[in-house]
Amino acid sequence: MDELGALRPFLGDWQLVRRVRDGGDEARFEGSARLGADGWFVESGTWTSGSMAGLRGERRTHWAPLDAGIAVSFADGRPFHHVVPGTGEIAVRHDCAPDLYLGAYRFELPALWRLDWRVTGPRKDYRMTSTYRRA
């Protein structure tokens, strides 16, 4: 049995470009991401434009094989969402009351994948698109 399951195509290093559109503002983040065999997906890089230009950032999530897909959790162990990689656009959802995160994955593996989030709530209304290219 393959213990890594659905994680296998994502293992290793990726180049990351993230664009965030919040109202009339747009920011860009450039860096790298890596999925290790331990399931930790670590993104790091620098904001290259927008109000945070020049600031470095890092984000960690944990990925675990589950039901032919991937259970994605926040670094503190709270569940985030579940995705089954496939073709076309694959929708995911995360309710974080009072906010709602609607995501769409697009896989062009082994070389590329994208994740687009639309976030709405009383004080949130933005779109974030991340593109991952095999390093």
N, C-alpha and C. Protein backbone atom coordinates (compact mmCIF):
# COMPACT_ATOMS: atom_id res chain seq x y z
N MET A 1 0.84 -1.19 0.00
CA MET A 1 0.00 0.00 0.00
C MET A 1 0.88 1.25 0.00
N ASP A 2 0.52 2.23 -0.78
CA ASP A 2 1.27 3.48 -0.87
C ASP A 2 0.82 4.41 0.25
N GLU A 3 1.64 4.56 1.28
CA GLU A 3 1.28 5.38 2.43
C GLU A 3 1.14 6.86 2.08
N LEU A 4 1.84 7.31 1.03
CA LEU A 4 1.76 8.72 0.64
C LEU A 4 0.52 9.02 -0.20
N GLY A 5 -0.01 8.02 -0.87
CA GLY A 5 -1.24 8.17 -1.63
C GLY A 5 -1.27 9.41 -2.51
N ALA A 6 -2.31 10.21 -2.34
CA ALA A 6 -2.54 11.39 -3.17
C ALA A 6 -1.49 12.48 -2.98
N LEU A 7 -0.65 12.36 -1.94
CA LEU A 7 0.40 13.37 -1.72
C LEU A 7 1.53 13.25 -2.74
N ARG A 8 1.76 12.04 -3.24
CA ARG A 8 2.95 11.76 -4.04
C ARG A 8 3.20 12.78 -5.16
N PRO A 9 2.22 13.19 -5.97
CA PRO A 9 2.51 14.14 -7.06
C PRO A 9 2.95 15.52 -6.59
N PHE A 10 2.72 15.83 -5.31
CA PHE A 10 3.02 17.17 -4.79
C PHE A 10 4.33 17.22 -4.01
N LEU A 11 4.95 16.07 -3.75
CA LEU A 11 6.18 16.04 -2.97
C LEU A 11 7.28 16.84 -3.65
N GLY A 12 8.07 17.52 -2.85
CA GLY A 12 9.22 18.25 -3.36
C GLY A 12 8.99 19.74 -3.43
N ASP A 13 9.76 20.38 -4.30
CA ASP A 13 9.86 21.84 -4.34
C ASP A 13 9.03 22.45 -5.47
N TRP A 14 8.45 23.63 -5.15
CA TRP A 14 7.61 24.38 -6.07
C TRP A 14 7.99 25.85 -6.02
N GLN A 15 7.88 26.53 -7.16
CA GLN A 15 7.96 27.99 -7.19
C GLN A 15 6.55 28.51 -6.96
N LEU A 16 6.42 29.55 -6.17
CA LEU A 16 5.11 30.07 -5.79
C LEU A 16 4.98 31.54 -6.17
N VAL A 17 3.89 31.87 -6.85
CA VAL A 17 3.50 33.26 -7.08
C VAL A 17 2.06 33.38 -6.60
N ARG A 18 1.82 34.36 -5.72
CA ARG A 18 0.47 34.57 -5.17
C ARG A 18 0.07 36.01 -5.44
N ARG A 19 -1.16 36.18 -5.91
CA ARG A 19 -1.73 37.51 -6.12
C ARG A 19 -2.96 37.65 -5.24
N VAL A 20 -3.04 38.77 -4.55
CA VAL A 20 -4.18 39.06 -3.69
C VAL A 20 -4.83 40.35 -4.18
N ARG A 21 -6.12 40.28 -4.47
CA ARG A 21 -6.89 41.46 -4.88
C ARG A 21 -7.92 41.74 -3.80
N ASP A 22 -7.76 42.89 -3.17
CA ASP A 22 -8.64 43.29 -2.07
C ASP A 22 -9.17 44.68 -2.38
N GLY A 23 -10.41 44.75 -2.84
CA GLY A 23 -10.94 46.02 -3.30
C GLY A 23 -10.16 46.48 -4.51
N GLY A 24 -9.65 47.70 -4.47
CA GLY A 24 -8.85 48.23 -5.57
C GLY A 24 -7.37 47.94 -5.42
N ASP A 25 -6.97 47.32 -4.32
CA ASP A 25 -5.55 47.04 -4.08
C ASP A 25 -5.18 45.65 -4.58
N GLU A 26 -3.93 45.55 -5.07
CA GLU A 26 -3.40 44.26 -5.48
C GLU A 26 -2.01 44.10 -4.91
N ALA A 27 -1.73 42.91 -4.40
CA ALA A 27 -0.41 42.60 -3.85
C ALA A 27 0.09 41.31 -4.47
N ARG A 28 1.41 41.19 -4.53
CA ARG A 28 2.04 40.00 -5.12
C ARG A 28 3.06 39.44 -4.14
N PHE A 29 3.05 38.12 -4.00
CA PHE A 29 3.97 37.39 -3.12
C PHE A 29 4.72 36.40 -3.99
N GLU A 30 6.05 36.35 -3.87
CA GLU A 30 6.85 35.41 -4.65
C GLU A 30 7.75 34.63 -3.71
N GLY A 31 7.85 33.34 -3.95
CA GLY A 31 8.70 32.52 -3.10
C GLY A 31 8.71 31.07 -3.53
N SER A 32 8.75 30.21 -2.54
CA SER A 32 8.83 28.79 -2.79
C SER A 32 7.91 28.04 -1.84
N ALA A 33 7.63 26.80 -2.21
CA ALA A 33 6.83 25.92 -1.37
C ALA A 33 7.45 24.54 -1.46
N ARG A 34 7.29 23.77 -0.37
CA ARG A 34 7.84 22.42 -0.35
C ARG A 34 6.91 21.52 0.44
N LEU A 35 6.58 20.37 -0.16
CA LEU A 35 5.84 19.34 0.56
C LEU A 35 6.81 18.22 0.88
N GLY A 36 7.00 17.97 2.17
CA GLY A 36 7.87 16.89 2.61
C GLY A 36 7.08 15.60 2.81
N ALA A 37 7.79 14.48 2.89
CA ALA A 37 7.16 13.18 3.10
C ALA A 37 6.44 13.12 4.45
N ASP A 38 6.76 14.05 5.35
CA ASP A 38 6.08 14.13 6.65
C ASP A 38 4.74 14.84 6.56
N GLY A 39 4.38 15.32 5.35
CA GLY A 39 3.09 15.96 5.14
C GLY A 39 3.07 17.46 5.36
N TRP A 40 4.18 18.04 5.81
CA TRP A 40 4.21 19.49 6.02
C TRP A 40 4.42 20.22 4.71
N PHE A 41 3.52 21.14 4.40
CA PHE A 41 3.61 21.99 3.21
C PHE A 41 4.00 23.38 3.70
N VAL A 42 5.21 23.80 3.36
CA VAL A 42 5.75 25.07 3.87
C VAL A 42 5.95 26.03 2.71
N GLU A 43 5.32 27.19 2.81
CA GLU A 43 5.47 28.26 1.83
C GLU A 43 6.27 29.38 2.47
N SER A 44 7.23 29.93 1.73
CA SER A 44 7.97 31.08 2.24
C SER A 44 8.35 31.98 1.07
N GLY A 45 8.45 33.27 1.37
CA GLY A 45 8.79 34.21 0.31
C GLY A 45 8.65 35.64 0.78
N THR A 46 8.53 36.54 -0.21
CA THR A 46 8.51 37.97 0.06
C THR A 46 7.37 38.62 -0.72
N TRP A 47 6.69 39.56 -0.06
CA TRP A 47 5.71 40.38 -0.76
C TRP A 47 6.49 41.35 -1.65
N THR A 48 6.22 41.31 -2.96
CA THR A 48 6.99 42.12 -3.90
C THR A 48 6.25 43.37 -4.36
N SER A 49 4.97 43.46 -4.03
CA SER A 49 4.20 44.67 -4.36
C SER A 49 3.05 44.79 -3.38
N GLY A 50 2.42 45.94 -3.40
CA GLY A 50 1.31 46.19 -2.49
C GLY A 50 1.78 46.80 -1.19
N SER A 51 0.87 46.95 -0.26
CA SER A 51 1.16 47.64 1.00
C SER A 51 2.17 46.90 1.88
N MET A 52 2.39 45.61 1.63
CA MET A 52 3.35 44.84 2.43
C MET A 52 4.66 44.58 1.69
N ALA A 53 4.90 45.27 0.59
CA ALA A 53 6.10 45.04 -0.21
C ALA A 53 7.35 45.06 0.66
N GLY A 54 8.19 44.05 0.46
CA GLY A 54 9.43 43.93 1.21
C GLY A 54 9.34 43.03 2.43
N LEU A 55 8.13 42.73 2.89
CA LEU A 55 7.98 41.87 4.07
C LEU A 55 8.08 40.40 3.67
N ARG A 56 8.76 39.63 4.52
CA ARG A 56 8.84 38.18 4.30
C ARG A 56 7.68 37.51 5.01
N GLY A 57 7.31 36.35 4.50
CA GLY A 57 6.22 35.61 5.11
C GLY A 57 6.43 34.12 4.99
N GLU A 58 5.79 33.38 5.87
CA GLU A 58 5.83 31.91 5.83
C GLU A 58 4.49 31.38 6.29
N ARG A 59 4.06 30.30 5.68
CA ARG A 59 2.82 29.64 6.08
C ARG A 59 3.04 28.14 6.03
N ARG A 60 2.50 27.46 7.03
CA ARG A 60 2.62 26.00 7.10
C ARG A 60 1.23 25.38 7.22
N THR A 61 1.00 24.38 6.40
CA THR A 61 -0.20 23.56 6.54
C THR A 61 0.24 22.11 6.55
N HIS A 62 -0.62 21.24 7.05
CA HIS A 62 -0.29 19.82 7.06
C HIS A 62 -1.24 19.09 6.12
N TRP A 63 -0.65 18.24 5.26
CA TRP A 63 -1.42 17.47 4.30
C TRP A 63 -1.34 16.00 4.70
N ALA A 64 -2.48 15.31 4.67
CA ALA A 64 -2.51 13.88 4.99
C ALA A 64 -3.41 13.16 3.99
N PRO A 65 -2.98 11.98 3.51
CA PRO A 65 -3.83 11.22 2.60
C PRO A 65 -5.13 10.82 3.31
N LEU A 66 -6.25 10.97 2.61
CA LEU A 66 -7.55 10.60 3.19
C LEU A 66 -8.54 10.33 2.06
N ASP A 67 -9.10 9.14 2.02
CA ASP A 67 -10.16 8.79 1.06
C ASP A 67 -9.81 9.20 -0.37
N ALA A 68 -8.68 8.76 -0.88
CA ALA A 68 -8.21 9.05 -2.24
C ALA A 68 -7.92 10.52 -2.46
N GLY A 69 -7.94 11.30 -1.40
CA GLY A 69 -7.66 12.72 -1.51
C GLY A 69 -6.68 13.18 -0.46
N ILE A 70 -6.77 14.47 -0.15
CA ILE A 70 -5.84 15.09 0.80
C ILE A 70 -6.64 15.89 1.81
N ALA A 71 -6.41 15.61 3.09
CA ALA A 71 -6.98 16.40 4.17
C ALA A 71 -5.96 17.47 4.52
N VAL A 72 -6.33 18.73 4.33
CA VAL A 72 -5.43 19.85 4.62
C VAL A 72 -5.84 20.44 5.96
N SER A 73 -4.85 20.58 6.86
CA SER A 73 -5.08 21.15 8.19
C SER A 73 -4.19 22.36 8.40
N PHE A 74 -4.65 23.26 9.27
CA PHE A 74 -3.81 24.37 9.69
C PHE A 74 -2.65 23.82 10.51
N ALA A 75 -1.61 24.63 10.71
CA ALA A 75 -0.43 24.19 11.45
C ALA A 75 -0.77 23.75 12.87
N ASP A 76 -1.83 24.32 13.45
CA ASP A 76 -2.21 23.95 14.82
C ASP A 76 -3.10 22.71 14.88
N GLY A 77 -3.34 22.08 13.73
CA GLY A 77 -4.12 20.85 13.69
C GLY A 77 -5.59 21.01 13.36
N ARG A 78 -6.10 22.23 13.35
CA ARG A 78 -7.51 22.43 12.99
C ARG A 78 -7.73 22.08 11.51
N PRO A 79 -8.84 21.41 11.19
CA PRO A 79 -9.12 21.07 9.80
C PRO A 79 -9.35 22.32 8.95
N PHE A 80 -8.84 22.29 7.71
CA PHE A 80 -9.03 23.39 6.77
C PHE A 80 -10.00 22.96 5.67
N HIS A 81 -9.60 21.96 4.86
CA HIS A 81 -10.49 21.45 3.83
C HIS A 81 -9.96 20.11 3.33
N HIS A 82 -10.75 19.44 2.49
CA HIS A 82 -10.39 18.16 1.89
C HIS A 82 -10.51 18.31 0.38
N VAL A 83 -9.52 17.81 -0.35
CA VAL A 83 -9.56 17.90 -1.81
C VAL A 83 -9.15 16.55 -2.40
N VAL A 84 -9.83 16.17 -3.47
CA VAL A 84 -9.47 14.98 -4.24
C VAL A 84 -8.94 15.47 -5.58
N PRO A 85 -7.60 15.41 -5.78
CA PRO A 85 -7.03 15.91 -7.04
C PRO A 85 -7.64 15.19 -8.24
N GLY A 86 -7.87 15.95 -9.29
CA GLY A 86 -8.44 15.40 -10.51
C GLY A 86 -8.29 16.40 -11.64
N THR A 87 -9.20 16.32 -12.59
CA THR A 87 -9.14 17.23 -13.74
C THR A 87 -10.21 18.31 -13.60
N GLY A 88 -10.03 19.38 -14.35
CA GLY A 88 -10.98 20.48 -14.29
C GLY A 88 -10.84 21.27 -13.01
N GLU A 89 -11.89 21.98 -12.67
CA GLU A 89 -11.88 22.80 -11.46
C GLU A 89 -12.51 22.01 -10.33
N ILE A 90 -11.83 21.97 -9.19
CA ILE A 90 -12.32 21.20 -8.05
C ILE A 90 -12.58 22.18 -6.90
N ALA A 91 -13.83 22.25 -6.49
CA ALA A 91 -14.25 23.22 -5.47
C ALA A 91 -14.02 22.68 -4.06
N VAL A 92 -13.57 23.57 -3.18
CA VAL A 92 -13.45 23.28 -1.75
C VAL A 92 -14.06 24.45 -0.99
N ARG A 93 -14.34 24.20 0.30
CA ARG A 93 -15.01 25.22 1.10
C ARG A 93 -14.48 25.15 2.52
N HIS A 94 -14.33 26.33 3.13
CA HIS A 94 -13.95 26.41 4.54
C HIS A 94 -14.81 27.48 5.19
N ASP A 95 -15.63 27.05 6.15
CA ASP A 95 -16.45 28.00 6.91
C ASP A 95 -15.67 28.41 8.15
N CYS A 96 -15.48 29.70 8.30
CA CYS A 96 -14.78 30.26 9.46
C CYS A 96 -15.64 31.44 9.91
N ALA A 97 -16.80 31.10 10.49
CA ALA A 97 -17.81 32.11 10.82
C ALA A 97 -17.19 33.30 11.53
N PRO A 98 -17.52 34.48 11.07
CA PRO A 98 -18.56 34.80 10.09
C PRO A 98 -18.06 34.85 8.65
N ASP A 99 -16.84 34.36 8.40
CA ASP A 99 -16.26 34.43 7.06
C ASP A 99 -16.45 33.12 6.31
N LEU A 100 -16.44 33.20 4.98
CA LEU A 100 -16.58 32.04 4.12
C LEU A 100 -15.45 32.05 3.10
N TYR A 101 -14.76 30.92 2.98
CA TYR A 101 -13.67 30.73 2.04
C TYR A 101 -14.13 29.71 1.00
N LEU A 102 -14.25 30.14 -0.25
CA LEU A 102 -14.59 29.25 -1.36
C LEU A 102 -13.36 29.11 -2.23
N GLY A 103 -12.88 27.88 -2.37
CA GLY A 103 -11.66 27.63 -3.11
C GLY A 103 -11.91 26.84 -4.38
N ALA A 104 -10.99 26.98 -5.33
CA ALA A 104 -11.05 26.22 -6.58
C ALA A 104 -9.63 25.80 -6.94
N TYR A 105 -9.41 24.50 -6.97
CA TYR A 105 -8.13 23.95 -7.41
C TYR A 105 -8.20 23.67 -8.90
N ARG A 106 -7.05 23.83 -9.57
CA ARG A 106 -6.88 23.43 -10.96
C ARG A 106 -5.52 22.73 -11.05
N PHE A 107 -5.54 21.46 -11.45
CA PHE A 107 -4.32 20.66 -11.48
C PHE A 107 -3.86 20.43 -12.91
N GLU A 108 -2.60 20.74 -13.18
CA GLU A 108 -1.95 20.42 -14.45
C GLU A 108 -0.66 19.70 -14.10
N LEU A 109 -0.81 18.65 -13.32
CA LEU A 109 0.35 17.91 -12.81
C LEU A 109 0.99 17.11 -13.92
N PRO A 110 2.30 16.92 -13.88
CA PRO A 110 3.16 17.11 -12.71
C PRO A 110 3.80 18.50 -12.61
N ALA A 111 3.56 19.38 -13.56
CA ALA A 111 4.34 20.63 -13.61
C ALA A 111 3.71 21.82 -12.92
N LEU A 112 2.39 21.83 -12.72
CA LEU A 112 1.72 23.06 -12.32
C LEU A 112 0.41 22.75 -11.61
N TRP A 113 0.07 23.59 -10.65
CA TRP A 113 -1.28 23.58 -10.07
C TRP A 113 -1.59 24.95 -9.51
N ARG A 114 -2.89 25.25 -9.42
CA ARG A 114 -3.33 26.57 -8.95
C ARG A 114 -4.41 26.40 -7.88
N LEU A 115 -4.47 27.39 -7.00
CA LEU A 115 -5.53 27.44 -6.00
C LEU A 115 -6.03 28.87 -5.90
N ASP A 116 -7.32 29.04 -6.12
CA ASP A 116 -7.96 30.36 -6.10
C ASP A 116 -8.94 30.38 -4.93
N TRP A 117 -8.81 31.38 -4.05
CA TRP A 117 -9.73 31.55 -2.92
C TRP A 117 -10.53 32.83 -3.10
N ARG A 118 -11.81 32.75 -2.85
CA ARG A 118 -12.70 33.91 -2.78
C ARG A 118 -13.17 33.97 -1.34
N VAL A 119 -12.82 35.04 -0.64
CA VAL A 119 -13.09 35.15 0.80
C VAL A 119 -14.05 36.30 1.04
N THR A 120 -15.15 36.01 1.72
CA THR A 120 -16.14 37.04 2.03
C THR A 120 -16.54 36.95 3.50
N GLY A 121 -16.93 38.08 4.02
CA GLY A 121 -17.38 38.17 5.41
C GLY A 121 -17.64 39.62 5.76
N PRO A 122 -18.01 39.89 6.99
CA PRO A 122 -18.32 41.26 7.39
C PRO A 122 -17.17 42.24 7.16
N ARG A 123 -15.94 41.78 7.33
CA ARG A 123 -14.79 42.67 7.14
C ARG A 123 -13.81 42.13 6.10
N LYS A 124 -14.23 41.12 5.34
CA LYS A 124 -13.35 40.53 4.32
C LYS A 124 -14.07 40.46 2.99
N ASP A 125 -13.34 40.76 1.94
CA ASP A 125 -13.86 40.65 0.59
C ASP A 125 -12.66 40.69 -0.35
N TYR A 126 -12.02 39.54 -0.52
CA TYR A 126 -10.83 39.51 -1.36
C TYR A 126 -10.73 38.21 -2.13
N ARG A 127 -9.84 38.23 -3.12
CA ARG A 127 -9.55 37.06 -3.93
C ARG A 127 -8.05 36.83 -3.89
N MET A 128 -7.66 35.58 -3.70
CA MET A 128 -6.24 35.22 -3.63
C MET A 128 -6.00 34.05 -4.58
N THR A 129 -5.08 34.22 -5.51
CA THR A 129 -4.74 33.19 -6.47
C THR A 129 -3.28 32.81 -6.31
N SER A 130 -3.04 31.52 -6.08
CA SER A 130 -1.68 31.01 -5.93
C SER A 130 -1.38 30.05 -7.07
N THR A 131 -0.22 30.24 -7.70
CA THR A 131 0.24 29.37 -8.78
C THR A 131 1.52 28.69 -8.34
N TYR A 132 1.54 27.37 -8.45
CA TYR A 132 2.69 26.56 -8.05
C TYR A 132 3.25 25.88 -9.29
N ARG A 133 4.54 26.15 -9.57
CA ARG A 133 5.22 25.52 -10.70
C ARG A 133 6.37 24.68 -10.16
N ARG A 134 6.52 23.50 -10.72
CA ARG A 134 7.58 22.59 -10.26
C ARG A 134 8.93 23.29 -10.38
N ALA A 135 9.69 23.29 -9.29
CA ALA A 135 11.01 23.95 -9.26
C ALA A 135 12.06 23.05 -9.89
